[in-house]
Protein backbone atom coordinates (compact mmCIF):
# COMPACT_ATOMS: atom_id res chain seq x y z
CA MET A 1 -31.01 44.09 9.94
CA GLU A 2 -27.25 44.32 10.87
CA ALA A 3 -24.82 44.65 7.75
CA VAL A 4 -21.16 45.43 7.46
CA VAL A 5 -20.88 48.62 5.35
CA ILE A 6 -18.08 50.88 4.27
CA ARG A 7 -19.14 54.66 4.18
CA ARG A 8 -17.92 57.44 1.75
CA GLY A 9 -14.84 59.16 3.33
CA GLU A 10 -14.17 56.31 5.59
CA ASN A 11 -11.23 53.67 5.68
CA SER A 12 -12.69 51.01 7.72
CA PRO A 13 -15.84 49.00 7.78
CA THR A 14 -18.54 49.36 10.38
CA VAL A 15 -21.73 47.62 11.35
CA ALA A 16 -24.86 49.38 10.45
CA ASP A 17 -28.51 48.91 10.84
CA VAL A 18 -30.13 48.84 7.31
CA PRO A 19 -33.62 47.88 6.01
CA ARG A 20 -34.20 44.25 5.55
CA PRO A 21 -34.83 43.82 1.75
CA ASP A 22 -38.14 42.76 0.36
CA PRO A 23 -37.94 40.53 -2.74
CA GLU A 24 -39.34 41.61 -6.05
CA PRO A 25 -41.28 39.21 -8.40
CA GLY A 26 -38.78 36.50 -9.49
CA GLU A 27 -36.43 37.26 -6.63
CA VAL A 28 -35.59 35.02 -3.57
CA LEU A 29 -34.99 36.17 -0.10
CA VAL A 30 -31.91 34.62 1.39
CA ARG A 31 -30.90 34.42 4.97
CA THR A 32 -27.00 34.66 4.98
CA LEU A 33 -24.80 32.13 6.49
CA ARG A 34 -21.45 33.16 5.72
CA VAL A 35 -19.57 35.66 3.67
CA GLY A 36 -15.91 35.45 2.78
CA VAL A 37 -13.33 38.14 2.97
CA ASP A 38 -10.63 38.56 0.32
CA GLY A 39 -8.23 40.99 -1.29
CA THR A 40 -10.89 42.81 -3.28
CA ASP A 41 -12.64 43.60 -0.01
CA ARG A 42 -9.63 45.26 1.27
CA GLU A 43 -9.20 47.18 -2.01
CA VAL A 44 -12.78 48.38 -1.67
CA ILE A 45 -12.14 49.59 1.78
CA ALA A 46 -8.82 51.41 0.90
CA GLY A 47 -10.91 53.03 -1.98
CA SER A 48 -8.62 51.57 -4.68
CA HIS A 49 -11.18 49.65 -6.52
CA GLY A 50 -15.01 49.42 -7.03
CA GLY A 51 -17.55 52.30 -5.95
CA PHE A 52 -20.87 53.07 -4.22
CA PRO A 53 -24.34 52.52 -5.53
CA ASP A 54 -25.60 55.76 -7.13
CA GLY A 55 -27.08 58.01 -4.41
CA GLU A 56 -25.87 56.00 -1.70
CA ASP A 57 -23.40 57.11 1.26
CA HIS A 58 -22.47 53.55 1.95
CA LEU A 59 -21.85 50.17 0.23
CA ILE A 60 -22.97 46.98 1.90
CA MET A 61 -19.70 44.86 1.43
CA GLY A 62 -19.11 41.17 0.60
CA HIS A 63 -19.36 39.02 -2.62
CA GLU A 64 -18.42 35.55 -1.54
CA ALA A 65 -21.65 34.38 0.09
CA VAL A 66 -23.63 31.52 1.07
CA GLY A 67 -27.19 31.45 2.39
CA VAL A 68 -30.32 29.58 3.10
CA VAL A 69 -33.73 30.34 1.10
CA GLU A 70 -36.32 32.05 3.28
CA GLU A 71 -38.71 32.87 0.61
CA ALA A 72 -38.88 31.42 -2.75
CA ASP A 73 -41.88 32.91 -4.36
CA ASP A 74 -42.75 31.24 -7.57
CA THR A 75 -39.19 30.22 -8.44
CA VAL A 76 -37.19 26.69 -8.81
CA PHE A 77 -36.02 27.19 -5.20
CA GLU A 78 -37.81 26.03 -1.97
CA GLU A 79 -37.36 27.15 1.48
CA GLY A 80 -34.45 25.72 3.23
CA ASP A 81 -32.39 25.31 -0.15
CA VAL A 82 -28.67 26.40 0.40
CA VAL A 83 -27.61 28.77 -2.50
CA VAL A 84 -24.60 30.95 -3.53
CA PRO A 85 -25.20 34.13 -5.42
CA THR A 86 -23.31 35.32 -8.60
CA VAL A 87 -21.71 38.82 -8.41
CA ARG A 88 -22.57 40.58 -11.41
CA ARG A 89 -25.72 42.45 -12.43
CA PRO A 90 -26.93 44.67 -15.12
CA PRO A 91 -26.30 48.46 -14.78
CA ALA A 92 -28.93 50.89 -13.88
CA GLU A 93 -29.83 51.48 -17.56
CA GLY A 94 -30.92 47.92 -17.73
CA SER A 95 -29.87 44.83 -19.46
CA ASN A 96 -27.32 44.64 -22.45
CA GLU A 97 -26.08 42.10 -24.74
CA TYR A 98 -23.75 40.38 -22.32
CA PHE A 99 -26.51 39.67 -19.81
CA GLU A 100 -28.76 38.66 -22.64
CA ARG A 101 -26.15 36.02 -23.79
CA GLY A 102 -25.76 34.85 -20.24
CA GLU A 103 -22.22 36.21 -20.26
CA PRO A 104 -22.12 38.96 -17.48
CA ASP A 105 -18.44 37.79 -16.86
CA MET A 106 -17.41 39.05 -20.20
CA ALA A 107 -18.86 42.41 -19.88
CA PRO A 108 -16.40 45.54 -19.51
CA PRO A 109 -16.85 47.52 -16.32
CA GLU A 110 -19.03 50.13 -17.59
CA ALA A 111 -21.56 47.40 -18.63
CA CYS A 112 -22.28 45.94 -15.23
CA VAL A 113 -22.29 46.39 -11.37
CA GLU A 114 -20.76 44.00 -8.96
CA ARG A 115 -22.44 43.21 -5.85
CA GLY A 116 -20.48 44.23 -2.83
CA ILE A 117 -17.69 45.55 -5.08
CA ASP A 118 -18.83 48.27 -7.53
CA GLY A 119 -22.00 50.19 -7.69
CA ALA A 120 -24.32 47.56 -5.88
CA HIS A 121 -24.86 46.48 -2.44
CA GLY A 122 -23.25 43.08 -1.43
CA PHE A 123 -24.14 40.25 0.82
CA MET A 124 -22.63 40.99 4.01
CA SER A 125 -25.78 41.56 5.87
CA GLU A 126 -28.28 39.12 7.77
CA TYR A 127 -30.34 38.98 4.72
CA PHE A 128 -30.16 39.53 0.88
CA THR A 129 -32.40 39.32 -2.18
CA SER A 130 -31.36 38.06 -5.59
CA PRO A 131 -33.15 37.11 -8.79
CA ALA A 132 -33.47 33.35 -8.89
CA GLU A 133 -31.47 32.94 -11.99
CA ASN A 134 -28.36 34.25 -10.22
CA LEU A 135 -28.49 31.69 -7.29
CA VAL A 136 -26.60 28.40 -7.59
CA PRO A 137 -27.82 25.47 -5.34
CA VAL A 138 -25.32 23.90 -2.91
CA PRO A 139 -25.51 20.53 -1.41
CA ASP A 140 -26.41 20.97 2.50
CA ASP A 141 -23.20 19.23 3.53
CA LEU A 142 -21.02 21.86 1.89
CA ALA A 143 -23.04 24.87 3.46
CA GLU A 144 -20.18 25.69 5.91
CA TRP A 145 -17.75 25.93 2.95
CA GLY A 146 -20.13 27.46 0.30
CA PHE A 147 -18.61 30.92 0.48
CA LEU A 148 -15.53 29.38 -1.33
CA VAL A 149 -17.82 28.67 -4.43
CA GLU A 150 -17.32 32.25 -5.68
CA PRO A 151 -13.53 32.25 -5.71
CA ILE A 152 -13.21 28.91 -6.94
CA SER A 153 -15.58 30.01 -10.02
CA ILE A 154 -13.02 32.75 -10.83
CA SER A 155 -10.38 30.00 -11.24
CA GLU A 156 -12.99 27.79 -13.05
CA LYS A 157 -13.40 30.44 -15.71
CA ALA A 158 -9.69 31.26 -15.92
CA ILE A 159 -8.65 27.60 -16.57
CA GLU A 160 -11.49 27.22 -19.09
CA HIS A 161 -10.36 30.09 -21.04
CA ALA A 162 -6.65 29.17 -20.93
CA ALA A 163 -7.44 25.80 -22.22
CA ALA A 164 -9.90 27.11 -25.05
CA SER A 165 -6.82 29.18 -26.32
CA ARG A 166 -5.05 25.94 -26.70
CA SER A 167 -7.93 24.03 -28.34
CA ALA A 168 -6.51 24.25 -31.90
CA PHE A 169 -3.76 21.56 -31.02
CA ASP A 170 -2.83 18.74 -28.77
CA TRP A 171 -2.08 20.53 -25.68
CA ASP A 172 -1.55 18.03 -22.76
CA PRO A 173 -0.29 20.15 -19.77
CA ASP A 174 1.92 18.60 -17.08
CA ALA A 175 3.74 21.30 -15.25
CA ASP A 176 1.82 24.48 -13.93
CA LEU A 177 2.95 27.39 -11.92
CA VAL A 178 0.51 29.55 -9.57
CA LEU A 179 1.79 33.12 -8.85
CA GLY A 180 0.66 34.07 -5.48
CA ASN A 181 0.26 31.94 -2.32
CA GLY A 182 -2.89 33.82 -0.96
CA SER A 183 -6.34 31.98 -0.67
CA LEU A 184 -6.98 32.31 -4.31
CA GLY A 185 -3.53 30.92 -5.40
CA LEU A 186 -3.86 27.92 -3.01
CA LEU A 187 -7.57 27.02 -4.00
CA THR A 188 -6.18 27.07 -7.68
CA LEU A 189 -3.09 24.95 -6.62
CA ALA A 190 -5.48 22.47 -5.10
CA MET A 191 -7.91 22.50 -8.30
CA LEU A 192 -4.82 21.72 -10.51
CA GLU A 193 -3.55 18.90 -8.33
CA ALA A 194 -7.04 17.36 -8.35
CA GLU A 195 -7.19 17.70 -12.02
CA GLY A 196 -3.95 15.60 -12.44
CA TYR A 197 -1.13 17.92 -13.18
CA GLU A 198 2.03 16.04 -12.68
CA ARG A 199 4.11 18.84 -11.27
CA THR A 200 2.82 21.95 -9.75
CA TYR A 201 4.59 24.93 -8.47
CA CYS A 202 3.32 28.01 -6.28
CA LEU A 203 5.27 31.36 -5.87
CA GLY A 204 5.41 33.49 -2.95
CA ARG A 205 7.59 35.74 -0.63
CA ARG A 206 7.21 34.19 2.78
CA ASP A 207 9.82 32.74 5.11
CA ARG A 208 9.56 29.29 6.67
CA PRO A 209 7.83 28.26 8.91
CA ASP A 210 4.60 29.52 7.23
CA PRO A 211 1.10 28.03 6.96
CA THR A 212 0.86 28.57 3.33
CA ILE A 213 4.01 26.75 2.43
CA ASP A 214 2.88 23.89 4.43
CA ILE A 215 -0.15 23.71 2.41
CA ILE A 216 1.60 23.87 -0.80
CA GLU A 217 3.75 21.12 0.08
CA GLU A 218 0.98 18.97 1.55
CA LEU A 219 -0.73 19.21 -1.57
CA GLY A 220 2.43 17.91 -3.37
CA GLY A 221 3.50 21.21 -4.79
CA THR A 222 7.04 23.03 -4.86
CA TYR A 223 7.25 26.24 -3.22
CA VAL A 224 9.22 28.91 -5.07
CA ASP A 225 10.47 31.94 -3.23
CA SER A 226 10.44 34.76 -5.65
CA ARG A 227 13.13 36.59 -3.60
CA GLU A 228 15.42 33.68 -4.71
CA THR A 229 13.85 32.76 -8.05
CA PRO A 230 12.16 35.30 -9.95
CA VAL A 231 9.57 34.33 -12.28
CA SER A 232 11.71 35.04 -15.21
CA ARG A 233 14.29 32.39 -14.10
CA ILE A 234 11.70 29.71 -13.08
CA ALA A 235 12.07 27.86 -16.45
CA GLU A 236 15.79 27.73 -15.98
CA VAL A 237 15.78 26.71 -12.32
CA HIS A 238 12.79 24.56 -12.33
CA GLU A 239 11.30 23.71 -15.61
CA PRO A 240 9.19 25.48 -18.50
CA MET A 241 5.65 25.80 -17.61
CA ASP A 242 2.67 24.54 -19.63
CA PHE A 243 0.21 26.81 -17.71
CA VAL A 244 0.90 29.95 -15.45
CA TYR A 245 -1.91 31.33 -13.41
CA GLU A 246 -1.34 34.92 -12.00
CA ALA A 247 -2.98 35.95 -8.99
CA THR A 248 -0.72 38.68 -7.61
CA GLY A 249 -1.69 41.80 -9.49
CA TYR A 250 2.24 42.49 -9.74
CA ALA A 251 2.60 44.03 -13.13
CA LYS A 252 5.91 42.67 -13.95
CA HIS A 253 4.72 39.11 -13.58
CA ALA A 254 2.58 39.40 -16.68
CA PHE A 255 5.70 39.98 -18.77
CA GLU A 256 7.85 37.33 -16.70
CA ALA A 257 5.44 34.78 -17.06
CA ILE A 258 6.00 34.68 -20.89
CA GLU A 259 9.61 33.65 -20.30
CA ALA A 260 8.52 31.01 -17.76
CA LEU A 261 6.25 29.43 -20.35
CA ALA A 262 6.94 26.24 -22.27
CA PRO A 263 6.51 26.08 -25.95
CA GLY A 264 2.79 26.10 -26.60
CA GLY A 265 2.29 27.35 -23.09
CA VAL A 266 -0.42 29.78 -21.93
CA GLY A 267 -0.73 32.13 -18.92
CA ALA A 268 -4.11 33.44 -17.27
CA LEU A 269 -3.76 36.75 -15.82
CA LEU A 270 -6.23 37.65 -12.91
CA GLY A 271 -4.45 40.27 -10.82
CA VAL A 272 -5.53 43.88 -11.22
CA PRO A 273 -2.28 46.14 -10.84
CA GLU A 274 -2.00 49.64 -10.11
CA PRO A 275 -0.54 51.84 -12.91
CA TRP A 276 3.07 51.30 -13.11
CA GLU A 277 5.58 52.19 -16.00
CA PHE A 278 8.66 50.23 -16.32
CA GLU A 279 10.86 49.02 -19.24
CA ILE A 280 10.61 45.68 -21.05
CA ASP A 281 12.33 44.05 -24.02
CA GLY A 282 9.09 44.15 -26.14
CA GLY A 283 10.84 42.85 -29.23
CA ARG A 284 12.04 39.69 -27.29
CA LEU A 285 8.93 39.07 -25.63
CA HIS A 286 7.09 39.49 -28.91
CA LYS A 287 9.28 36.89 -30.42
CA GLU A 288 8.65 34.48 -27.64
CA PHE A 289 5.10 34.43 -28.46
CA VAL A 290 5.41 33.93 -32.14
CA MET A 291 8.24 31.64 -32.22
CA ASN A 292 6.97 29.37 -29.49
CA ASN A 293 3.28 29.51 -29.90
CA LYS A 294 2.71 31.03 -26.25
CA ALA A 295 -0.33 32.96 -25.24
CA LEU A 296 -1.77 34.94 -22.42
CA VAL A 297 -5.43 35.54 -21.57
CA GLY A 298 -7.03 37.94 -19.26
CA SER A 299 -9.84 36.74 -17.04
CA VAL A 300 -12.14 38.55 -14.52
CA ASN A 301 -15.51 37.48 -12.75
CA SER A 302 -17.48 34.26 -13.82
CA ASN A 303 -20.91 33.20 -14.82
CA VAL A 304 -23.39 30.70 -13.56
CA SER A 305 -21.59 27.78 -15.43
CA HIS A 306 -18.50 28.43 -13.64
CA PHE A 307 -20.45 28.58 -10.28
CA GLU A 308 -22.01 25.24 -11.03
CA SER A 309 -18.54 23.75 -11.75
CA ALA A 310 -17.17 25.31 -8.75
CA VAL A 311 -19.69 23.43 -6.46
CA ARG A 312 -18.60 20.27 -7.84
CA THR A 313 -14.90 21.24 -7.36
CA LEU A 314 -15.54 22.25 -3.81
CA GLY A 315 -17.10 18.78 -2.96
CA ASP A 316 -13.93 16.98 -4.30
CA LEU A 317 -11.37 19.12 -2.22
CA PRO A 318 -9.85 17.41 0.64
CA ALA A 319 -11.18 18.20 4.04
CA TRP A 320 -7.87 18.85 5.57
CA PHE A 321 -7.21 21.46 3.04
CA LEU A 322 -10.21 23.42 3.79
CA ASP A 323 -9.52 23.21 7.49
CA ASP A 324 -6.04 24.61 6.84
CA LEU A 325 -7.22 27.14 4.29
CA VAL A 326 -9.88 28.89 6.45
CA THR A 327 -8.03 30.27 9.29
CA GLY A 328 -10.87 32.08 11.00
CA VAL A 329 -14.70 32.33 10.82
CA HIS A 330 -15.89 35.29 12.95
CA ASP A 331 -19.30 36.25 14.31
CA LEU A 332 -20.60 39.81 13.52
CA ASP A 333 -19.40 41.15 17.16
CA ASP A 334 -16.07 40.14 16.15
CA TYR A 335 -16.30 41.42 12.48
CA GLU A 336 -12.98 43.45 12.58
CA ALA A 337 -11.02 40.22 12.89
CA ALA A 338 -12.21 38.93 9.67
CA PHE A 339 -10.50 41.72 7.76
CA ALA A 340 -7.09 41.10 9.46
CA ASP A 341 -4.28 40.56 6.98
CA ASP A 342 -1.16 39.04 8.58
CA GLU A 343 1.17 36.34 8.18
CA THR A 344 -1.02 33.79 9.91
CA THR A 345 -4.23 34.56 8.07
CA ILE A 346 -5.12 32.85 4.80
CA LYS A 347 -8.90 33.08 4.47
CA THR A 348 -11.43 34.31 6.84
CA ALA A 349 -15.27 34.62 6.83
CA LEU A 350 -18.08 36.27 8.69
CA GLN A 351 -20.79 34.17 10.01
CA PHE A 352 -24.30 35.61 10.13
CA SER A 353 -26.53 32.49 11.05
CA GLN A 354 -26.25 28.91 11.32
CA ILE A 355 -28.01 26.52 8.80
């Protein structure tokens, strides 16, 4: 079967012929429909994130997948079911406390592998196998958008954990700020709008006319150009934020977000920065935390419950938003176009088959 792989020592993906996998007992064989491409895939290609499976000279890419069950064996699934796979699996030495508790998303990097990212082959192939417990059903009418379930699940978890950190008091957020106008930031903005936040803002570094700014404003949000209003001045120029969602990987934003927060506010950090040393006023920021009851939480990956919530969220997103967000769905013979990253690209996917 054909698969999109990155090989050791190379800096661009290629299409390779790899063996079709045979499901083990309890596993399901899935025919791939679509696989999304995101910034993590580009980091894997560049070699700045992730790693190859032990003993392999290549990694099958892709972690945002949707497919159709081909062989269900003795599982809860039936042939023809549309499913999305979760990403994390136990390491080679076997299960551990995080997986036994059903909380693989809380495992540190050394206690897991991530399909298509770090230590395990992904889903960017004609077929893949997965244990049934790592598959989440998707309604047939959402099959074409099912590859968005994984990124939505990332935000489901981050929002859940941020809210949990405020559960000790009456936290009623009205204003939120999303840092980053890439596909994950736009998905999160749409989620927050759907949840009833009264005022939403999204920060980026793009000039008009721009498709992401159009989406932000069509959703009812306010676009903030960080070249004009840095994060540290947003509370002054706009308003203090009850919730800040960081999806840029720009290390200074983690500290500037503290200043953007309203009293009792919380920030969720999702970007993964490169090492970078810079000066901050630690005492002032510490005081902001203490005197104004602020919080920051870090969040990575997601578990089955977040995927299930993401399926429901996907079904509630407006059709125009999905159409505008996904700027390209490419066949395998045009796979390189799916990895393009320019001012007109927001979200792309590779299509392997039809439902």
